[in-house]
Protein backbone atom coordinates (compact mmCIF):
# COMPACT_ATOMS: atom_id res chain seq x y z
CA MET A 1 71.69 58.83 -100.06
CA THR A 2 68.62 56.56 -101.52
CA THR A 3 65.86 58.38 -99.12
CA LEU A 4 67.06 61.55 -100.69
CA PHE A 5 67.18 60.39 -104.31
CA GLN A 6 63.78 58.58 -103.50
CA ARG A 7 62.19 62.06 -102.72
CA VAL A 8 63.62 63.67 -105.83
CA SER A 9 62.04 60.90 -107.70
CA SER A 10 58.64 61.33 -106.04
CA ARG A 11 58.63 65.07 -106.37
CA TRP A 12 59.37 64.52 -110.13
CA GLY A 13 56.29 62.42 -110.21
CA ARG A 14 54.15 65.10 -108.61
CA PHE A 15 55.70 67.70 -110.97
CA HIS A 16 54.60 65.54 -114.26
CA THR A 17 51.06 64.51 -112.75
CA HIS A 18 50.34 68.53 -112.51
CA LEU A 19 51.70 69.22 -115.73
CA ASN A 20 49.77 66.41 -117.69
CA GLU A 21 46.49 67.49 -115.68
CA ALA A 22 47.00 71.14 -116.51
CA LEU A 23 47.64 70.56 -120.18
CA THR A 24 44.94 67.90 -120.53
CA GLY A 25 42.57 70.11 -119.02
CA ILE A 26 43.82 73.44 -120.44
CA ARG A 27 39.92 74.22 -121.69
CA VAL A 28 38.93 74.51 -118.22
CA VAL A 29 41.64 76.22 -116.81
CA LYS A 30 40.93 79.15 -119.45
CA ALA A 31 37.23 78.98 -118.98
CA PHE A 32 37.42 79.48 -115.18
CA ALA A 33 40.38 81.90 -116.14
CA GLN A 34 42.66 79.91 -113.50
CA GLU A 35 45.87 80.46 -115.39
CA ASP A 36 47.52 82.19 -112.42
CA LEU A 37 46.52 79.45 -110.38
CA GLU A 38 47.87 76.88 -112.12
CA ASN A 39 51.05 79.13 -112.83
CA GLN A 40 51.26 78.98 -108.84
CA LYS A 41 50.74 75.39 -108.72
CA PHE A 42 53.70 74.79 -111.12
CA THR A 43 55.98 77.02 -109.42
CA HIS A 44 55.42 75.23 -106.05
CA HIS A 45 56.07 71.61 -107.59
CA ASN A 46 58.57 73.06 -109.42
CA THR A 47 60.32 74.53 -106.28
CA GLN A 48 59.83 71.51 -104.35
CA LEU A 49 61.80 69.61 -107.23
CA ARG A 50 64.55 71.99 -107.03
CA ALA A 51 64.69 71.86 -103.09
CA ALA A 52 65.05 68.08 -103.22
CA GLY A 53 67.32 68.08 -105.95
CA ILE A 54 69.77 70.42 -104.40
CA ALA A 55 69.45 68.76 -100.90
CA ALA A 56 70.41 65.26 -102.50
CA ASP A 57 73.37 67.11 -104.59
CA ASN A 58 74.58 68.88 -101.40
CA TYR A 59 74.47 65.41 -99.46
CA TRP A 60 76.33 63.65 -102.21
CA SER A 61 79.07 66.81 -102.82
CA THR A 62 79.59 66.76 -98.96
CA VAL A 63 80.57 62.69 -99.05
CA PHE A 64 82.37 62.85 -102.17
CA GLY A 65 84.05 65.98 -101.24
CA ALA A 66 85.12 64.54 -97.88
CA MET A 67 86.49 61.54 -99.56
CA SER A 68 88.32 63.10 -102.25
CA PHE A 69 89.92 65.29 -99.70
CA GLY A 70 90.98 62.56 -97.30
CA THR A 71 92.83 60.64 -100.60
CA SER A 72 94.37 64.15 -101.31
CA LEU A 73 95.59 64.60 -98.07
CA GLY A 74 96.97 61.09 -98.21
CA SER A 75 99.21 62.32 -101.21
CA VAL A 76 100.14 65.48 -99.29
CA ILE A 77 101.33 63.17 -96.50
CA ASN A 78 103.14 60.94 -99.05
CA TRP A 79 104.88 63.93 -100.61
CA SER A 80 105.77 65.55 -96.99
CA VAL A 81 106.93 62.49 -95.16
CA GLY A 82 108.19 60.74 -98.03
CA GLY A 83 110.00 63.34 -99.31
CA TYR A 84 111.51 64.10 -96.27
CA PHE A 85 112.92 60.58 -95.91
CA VAL A 86 114.26 60.64 -99.27
CA TYR A 87 116.20 63.80 -98.72
CA LYS A 88 117.51 62.36 -95.50
CA GLY A 89 118.42 59.36 -97.38
CA GLN A 90 116.12 57.16 -95.28
CA LEU A 91 114.03 56.05 -98.16
CA SER A 92 115.20 55.55 -101.99
CA LEU A 93 113.48 57.21 -104.72
CA GLY A 94 112.05 54.27 -106.15
CA ASP A 95 110.42 53.16 -102.95
CA PHE A 96 108.85 56.56 -102.70
CA TRP A 97 107.05 56.26 -106.27
CA ARG A 98 106.12 52.74 -105.25
CA ILE A 99 104.29 53.95 -102.27
CA HIS A 100 102.74 56.54 -104.50
CA ALA A 101 101.85 54.36 -107.01
CA TYR A 102 100.17 51.96 -103.97
CA LEU A 103 98.28 54.71 -102.83
CA GLY A 104 96.45 55.54 -106.30
CA LEU A 105 95.72 51.89 -106.63
CA ILE A 106 93.87 52.10 -103.12
CA TYR A 107 92.37 55.61 -103.75
CA GLY A 108 91.14 55.06 -107.30
CA PRO A 109 88.63 52.33 -106.60
CA MET A 110 87.55 53.99 -103.49
CA GLN A 111 86.74 57.22 -105.22
CA TRP A 112 85.19 54.85 -108.01
CA PHE A 113 83.20 52.89 -105.56
CA ALA A 114 81.80 56.27 -103.98
CA GLN A 115 80.74 57.54 -107.66
CA VAL A 116 79.03 53.57 -108.10
CA ASN A 117 77.21 54.19 -104.97
CA ASN A 118 76.00 57.78 -106.22
CA TRP A 119 74.83 55.79 -109.42
CA PHE A 120 73.16 53.15 -107.72
CA SER A 121 71.31 55.31 -105.36
CA ARG A 122 69.90 57.19 -108.11
CA ALA A 123 69.05 53.93 -110.04
CA MET A 124 67.07 52.21 -107.15
CA ALA A 125 65.36 55.55 -106.67
CA GLY A 126 63.90 55.63 -110.10
CA ALA A 127 63.85 51.71 -110.33
CA GLU A 128 61.06 51.68 -107.35
CA LYS A 129 58.18 52.48 -109.61
CA ILE A 130 59.10 49.85 -112.30
CA PHE A 131 59.62 47.25 -109.53
CA GLU A 132 56.14 48.10 -108.53
CA VAL A 133 54.37 47.33 -112.01
CA MET A 134 57.27 44.51 -112.27
CA ASP A 135 55.85 42.82 -109.20
CA ALA A 136 52.12 43.53 -109.75
CA LYS A 137 50.29 40.05 -110.06
CA PRO A 138 49.60 39.60 -114.08
CA GLU A 139 46.56 38.54 -115.17
CA ASN A 140 45.97 34.93 -115.86
CA TYR A 141 46.02 34.76 -119.47
CA ASN A 142 47.80 31.27 -119.93
CA ARG A 143 45.19 29.00 -122.05
CA THR A 144 44.67 26.35 -119.38
CA GLY A 145 40.88 27.30 -118.39
CA GLU A 146 37.98 25.81 -119.83
CA GLN A 147 36.20 27.29 -122.68
CA PRO A 148 32.42 26.19 -122.77
CA VAL A 149 29.96 27.66 -125.09
CA VAL A 150 28.56 30.45 -123.24
CA THR A 151 24.78 31.27 -123.11
CA GLY A 152 24.81 34.01 -120.99
CA HIS A 153 23.16 32.65 -117.77
CA VAL A 154 25.01 34.84 -114.71
CA GLN A 155 24.70 33.94 -111.18
CA PHE A 156 25.95 36.10 -108.24
CA LYS A 157 26.28 33.58 -105.08
CA ASN A 158 26.99 35.54 -101.88
CA VAL A 159 29.71 37.51 -103.41
CA ARG A 160 31.69 39.78 -101.60
CA PHE A 161 34.58 42.18 -102.68
CA GLY A 162 36.72 45.09 -101.70
CA TYR A 163 39.51 47.10 -103.19
CA ASP A 164 40.78 47.20 -99.78
CA LYS A 165 39.87 43.77 -98.25
CA SER A 166 39.34 45.09 -94.84
CA ASN A 167 36.59 47.43 -96.35
CA PRO A 168 34.28 45.59 -98.88
CA VAL A 169 32.44 47.47 -101.41
CA ILE A 170 30.17 44.72 -102.70
CA LYS A 171 28.52 42.64 -99.39
CA ASN A 172 26.91 39.22 -100.05
CA LEU A 173 25.62 40.16 -103.67
CA ASP A 174 23.30 37.25 -104.45
CA PHE A 175 21.09 37.63 -107.78
CA GLU A 176 20.31 35.78 -111.07
CA ALA A 177 20.19 36.69 -114.66
CA LYS A 178 18.94 34.04 -117.14
CA PRO A 179 19.81 34.32 -120.96
CA GLY A 180 18.14 36.82 -122.41
CA ASP A 181 17.48 38.88 -119.21
CA PHE A 182 17.84 42.84 -119.23
CA ILE A 183 19.04 43.58 -115.49
CA GLY A 184 19.19 47.25 -114.54
CA LEU A 185 21.44 48.27 -111.69
CA VAL A 186 19.99 51.03 -109.75
CA GLY A 187 21.44 53.02 -106.69
CA LYS A 188 23.17 56.05 -105.60
CA SER A 189 26.96 56.97 -106.22
CA GLY A 190 29.23 54.74 -104.75
CA ALA A 191 26.42 51.80 -104.22
CA GLY A 192 28.53 49.35 -105.99
CA LYS A 193 27.16 49.51 -109.60
CA SER A 194 30.44 49.89 -111.14
CA THR A 195 32.11 47.66 -109.24
CA THR A 196 29.65 44.77 -109.91
CA ILE A 197 30.31 45.55 -113.74
CA ASN A 198 34.08 45.27 -113.05
CA LEU A 199 33.60 41.88 -111.32
CA ILE A 200 31.34 40.67 -114.40
CA CYS A 201 34.09 41.64 -116.63
CA ARG A 202 36.72 40.00 -114.54
CA PHE A 203 38.68 43.19 -114.07
CA TYR A 204 38.73 42.08 -110.27
CA GLU A 205 37.73 38.62 -108.92
CA PRO A 206 35.45 38.00 -106.09
CA ASP A 207 37.09 37.80 -102.26
CA ALA A 208 34.26 35.47 -101.39
CA GLY A 209 31.82 33.75 -102.96
CA GLN A 210 31.23 32.67 -106.63
CA LEU A 211 30.24 34.53 -110.13
CA LEU A 212 28.93 31.40 -112.42
CA ILE A 213 28.54 31.42 -115.74
CA ASP A 214 26.08 28.72 -117.12
CA GLY A 215 26.73 26.88 -113.57
CA LEU A 216 30.78 27.36 -113.90
CA ASP A 217 32.74 29.43 -111.84
CA TYR A 218 34.17 31.82 -114.24
CA ARG A 219 37.56 31.70 -112.47
CA GLU A 220 37.94 28.38 -113.90
CA MET A 221 37.03 29.57 -117.50
CA ASP A 222 40.09 30.79 -119.95
CA LEU A 223 40.42 34.65 -119.42
CA GLN A 224 40.30 35.88 -122.92
CA HIS A 225 37.74 33.32 -123.76
CA TRP A 226 35.15 34.98 -121.35
CA ARG A 227 35.82 38.45 -122.20
CA ARG A 228 35.36 37.50 -125.94
CA ASN A 229 31.64 36.98 -124.88
CA ILE A 230 31.31 40.41 -123.37
CA GLY A 231 30.36 43.74 -125.04
CA ILE A 232 30.53 46.72 -123.34
CA VAL A 233 29.24 50.27 -124.20
CA LEU A 234 30.52 53.16 -121.77
CA GLN A 235 29.05 56.66 -121.02
CA GLU A 236 32.38 58.03 -122.75
CA PRO A 237 32.95 55.60 -125.36
CA PHE A 238 36.78 55.31 -126.25
CA LEU A 239 37.65 55.25 -130.00
CA PHE A 240 41.39 54.72 -131.28
CA ASN A 241 43.10 56.94 -133.72
CA GLY A 242 42.11 55.00 -137.00
CA THR A 243 39.31 54.79 -139.26
CA VAL A 244 36.01 54.71 -138.71
CA ALA A 245 35.77 51.06 -140.14
CA ASP A 246 38.94 49.79 -137.98
CA ASN A 247 37.15 51.10 -134.74
CA ILE A 248 33.66 49.34 -135.66
CA ALA A 249 35.84 46.08 -136.40
CA TYR A 250 37.85 46.36 -133.21
CA GLY A 251 36.42 43.29 -131.77
CA LYS A 252 36.54 41.29 -134.70
CA PRO A 253 39.62 42.29 -136.94
CA ASP A 254 38.52 40.02 -139.48
CA ALA A 255 35.33 41.24 -140.27
CA LYS A 256 34.08 41.62 -144.08
CA PHE A 257 33.28 45.20 -144.90
CA GLU A 258 29.86 44.08 -145.54
CA GLU A 259 29.52 43.07 -142.18
CA ILE A 260 30.67 46.39 -140.76
CA VAL A 261 28.23 48.49 -142.90
CA GLU A 262 25.56 46.27 -141.28
CA ALA A 263 26.72 46.93 -137.86
CA ALA A 264 26.79 50.54 -138.61
CA LYS A 265 23.22 50.60 -140.04
CA ALA A 266 21.90 48.67 -136.88
CA ALA A 267 23.55 51.26 -134.82
CA ASN A 268 22.05 53.95 -136.96
CA ALA A 269 25.50 55.25 -137.76
CA HIS A 270 25.63 54.51 -141.52
CA SER A 271 24.14 57.58 -142.71
CA PHE A 272 26.31 60.29 -140.68
CA ILE A 273 29.34 58.01 -141.86
CA LEU A 274 28.57 58.51 -145.37
CA GLY A 275 28.33 61.97 -144.83
CA LYS A 276 31.87 62.27 -144.04
CA SER A 277 34.28 63.00 -146.90
CA ASP A 278 36.05 59.63 -146.57
CA GLY A 279 33.11 57.67 -145.34
CA TYR A 280 34.43 54.52 -143.48
CA ASP A 281 37.93 55.78 -144.19
CA THR A 282 37.41 58.71 -142.38
CA ILE A 283 40.22 59.16 -139.68
CA VAL A 284 38.37 60.11 -136.36
CA GLY A 285 41.00 61.63 -134.29
CA GLU A 286 42.72 60.86 -130.88
CA ARG A 287 40.12 59.27 -128.83
CA GLY A 288 37.68 59.75 -131.86
CA GLY A 289 38.01 63.74 -130.90
CA LYS A 290 36.89 64.55 -134.38
CA LEU A 291 33.63 63.07 -133.96
CA SER A 292 30.44 64.28 -131.86
CA GLY A 293 29.62 62.48 -128.93
CA GLY A 294 26.44 61.09 -130.43
CA GLU A 295 28.68 59.80 -133.32
CA ARG A 296 31.33 58.43 -131.10
CA GLN A 297 28.47 56.46 -128.94
CA ARG A 298 26.76 54.96 -132.10
CA ILE A 299 30.21 53.73 -133.30
CA SER A 300 30.75 52.14 -130.12
CA ILE A 301 27.33 50.55 -130.39
CA ALA A 302 28.40 49.37 -134.08
CA ARG A 303 31.23 47.94 -132.45
CA ALA A 304 29.43 45.81 -129.88
CA ILE A 305 27.05 44.80 -132.30
CA LEU A 306 29.75 43.46 -134.64
CA HIS A 307 31.41 41.76 -131.57
CA ASP A 308 28.15 39.97 -131.09
CA PRO A 309 28.54 39.03 -127.66
CA LYS A 310 26.35 37.00 -125.50
CA ILE A 311 26.54 39.38 -122.33
CA LEU A 312 26.21 42.84 -122.89
CA ILE A 313 27.15 45.77 -120.38
CA LEU A 314 25.59 49.46 -120.90
CA ASP A 315 27.37 52.05 -118.62
CA GLU A 316 25.30 55.44 -118.83
CA ALA A 317 25.16 55.01 -122.57
CA THR A 318 22.89 57.72 -123.13
CA ALA A 319 24.07 60.18 -120.36
CA SER A 320 25.71 62.82 -122.32
CA VAL A 321 23.83 63.31 -125.57
CA ASP A 322 20.92 65.61 -126.81
CA VAL A 323 17.51 64.41 -127.16
CA GLU A 324 17.27 63.54 -131.01
CA THR A 325 20.73 61.72 -131.02
CA GLU A 326 19.29 59.86 -127.67
CA LYS A 327 16.51 58.76 -129.44
CA GLN A 328 18.75 57.19 -132.40
CA ILE A 329 20.86 55.59 -129.58
CA GLN A 330 17.98 54.06 -127.91
CA GLN A 331 16.71 52.63 -131.15
CA ALA A 332 20.12 51.20 -131.84
CA MET A 333 20.39 49.80 -128.05
CA LYS A 334 16.98 47.99 -128.55
CA ARG A 335 18.50 46.12 -131.52
CA LEU A 336 21.73 45.34 -129.55
CA ILE A 337 20.12 43.91 -126.64
CA GLU A 338 18.01 41.59 -128.38
CA GLY A 339 18.76 37.97 -127.48
CA ARG A 340 21.67 38.97 -125.03
CA THR A 341 21.87 39.18 -121.12
CA THR A 342 22.23 42.81 -120.69
CA PHE A 343 23.41 44.68 -117.68
CA ALA A 344 22.82 48.43 -117.72
CA ILE A 345 23.48 51.23 -115.34
CA ALA A 346 21.57 54.25 -115.77
CA HIS A 347 20.85 57.35 -113.94
CA ARG A 348 18.01 58.30 -116.17
CA LEU A 349 15.88 55.60 -114.38
CA ALA A 350 13.18 56.13 -117.11
CA THR A 351 15.39 54.15 -119.54
CA LEU A 352 15.20 51.14 -117.51
CA ARG A 353 11.15 50.79 -117.78
CA ASN A 354 11.53 47.83 -119.80
CA ALA A 355 13.97 45.92 -117.75
CA THR A 356 13.54 42.36 -116.96
CA ARG A 357 14.48 42.89 -113.46
CA LEU A 358 15.92 46.08 -111.49
CA ILE A 359 18.34 45.59 -108.60
CA VAL A 360 18.88 48.43 -106.33
CA LEU A 361 22.05 48.61 -104.56
CA ASP A 362 22.97 50.52 -101.22
CA LYS A 363 26.39 50.35 -99.83
CA GLY A 364 26.95 47.11 -101.69
CA GLU A 365 23.71 45.36 -100.75
CA ILE A 366 20.67 44.43 -102.51
CA VAL A 367 18.09 46.47 -100.78
CA GLU A 368 15.15 46.01 -103.49
CA SER A 369 14.78 43.90 -106.59
CA GLY A 370 12.03 43.81 -109.42
CA THR A 371 10.36 45.09 -112.37
CA HIS A 372 10.00 48.69 -112.38
CA ALA A 373 6.13 48.59 -111.87
CA GLU A 374 6.75 46.23 -108.90
CA LEU A 375 9.27 48.56 -107.30
CA MET A 376 7.02 51.53 -107.90
CA GLU A 377 4.14 50.00 -106.07
CA LYS A 378 6.08 48.94 -103.18
CA ASP A 379 7.03 52.62 -102.73
CA GLY A 380 10.67 51.73 -101.20
CA GLU A 381 13.94 52.98 -101.98
CA PHE A 382 13.74 52.88 -105.67
CA ALA A 383 10.47 54.96 -105.74
CA LYS A 384 12.27 57.20 -103.79
CA LEU A 385 14.92 57.71 -106.07
CA VAL A 386 12.18 58.41 -109.04
CA ARG A 387 10.71 61.16 -106.89
CA THR A 388 13.88 62.66 -106.50
CA GLN A 389 14.69 62.81 -110.09
CA SER A 390 11.39 63.91 -111.06
CA GLU A 391 11.61 66.60 -108.77
CA ILE A 392 15.14 67.60 -110.06
CA ASN A 393 13.88 67.66 -113.57
CA GLU A 394 11.33 69.75 -112.56
CA ILE A 395 13.66 72.39 -111.02
CA ILE A 396 15.71 72.17 -114.13
CA GLY A 397 12.54 72.73 -116.05
CA VAL A 398 11.50 76.03 -114.20
CA THR A 399 14.81 77.53 -114.31
CA GLY A 400 15.25 76.61 -117.97
């Protein structure tokens, strides 16, 4: 019974997942005229859900029906046999009703327990996902760790990590970033760049080795204290459905309005904000949907500037904007990285020319390390990536 209801729960999950994807990506569906395909997928998942539901209900109806038939048969036998004995004078009418009452006391709880079993099976099937969340190991937010002053000295010492421990994504990562260094992480897709960033943010912790912050293993530090010293600017910045000012001040809720304005000016965002009808009180919409990509990015940079972190992470921060907007963002970034230890991921390798050091990753290992000029002179993996990108840009230029 539980297995059948687990199957129904699983089919419900798939049904809602597909429905959410189809509605979220409705513009893509319409752009490629794939409404019929999505309708077929919907029908398929709906049919599977219906079949699983019917199978579970049929099984339950059979079991409950058989039990109900058994209890009803007992009553029929009691009336037939008992009635015959009463007729013959071998059983008094009082004894007959007493036996009938006893049968009711027995069969009633049996039917109730059968119904409880049905409820329990359905509940356990639904609760399985909830238990998975409840059993997940929570992050350690207990304020028992150290809270040292962070200067931005980051050191990876033979770090190994894998989302599946039997298949490491990062292998023996060993490098150092001194306060104020600008470290560029370079490599093909799947090389381990984003995983390295996730380790720095302590979204995951190393399976082996150490990640030292100013000489202290960051697992010994208070988690919230550590993250307050990190600022992140992503390729797709996430803005909350509130005002521009609220989003800029997200990392520092007690910031004064003057501080918010100064951060916006440093991020080249002040002008376009004043151009909005409500200025800093403009509602940005869900996920910042009422702003352009470049505007969202500059709000994200202003948020990082106001947060004033010691360690800054840039993840493809200028990958999805036009040339003019990229110029403004680059100017804002230059102000942002001053005096901060910065880790940057960029597929436009030219944006990393000013990096203190470039670390080239391949399959989770460092294959090259040095400045832009040193790596180009070395003519190794990095130089190969630069040439490949140049060729792609030439092809795009010709076809454009």
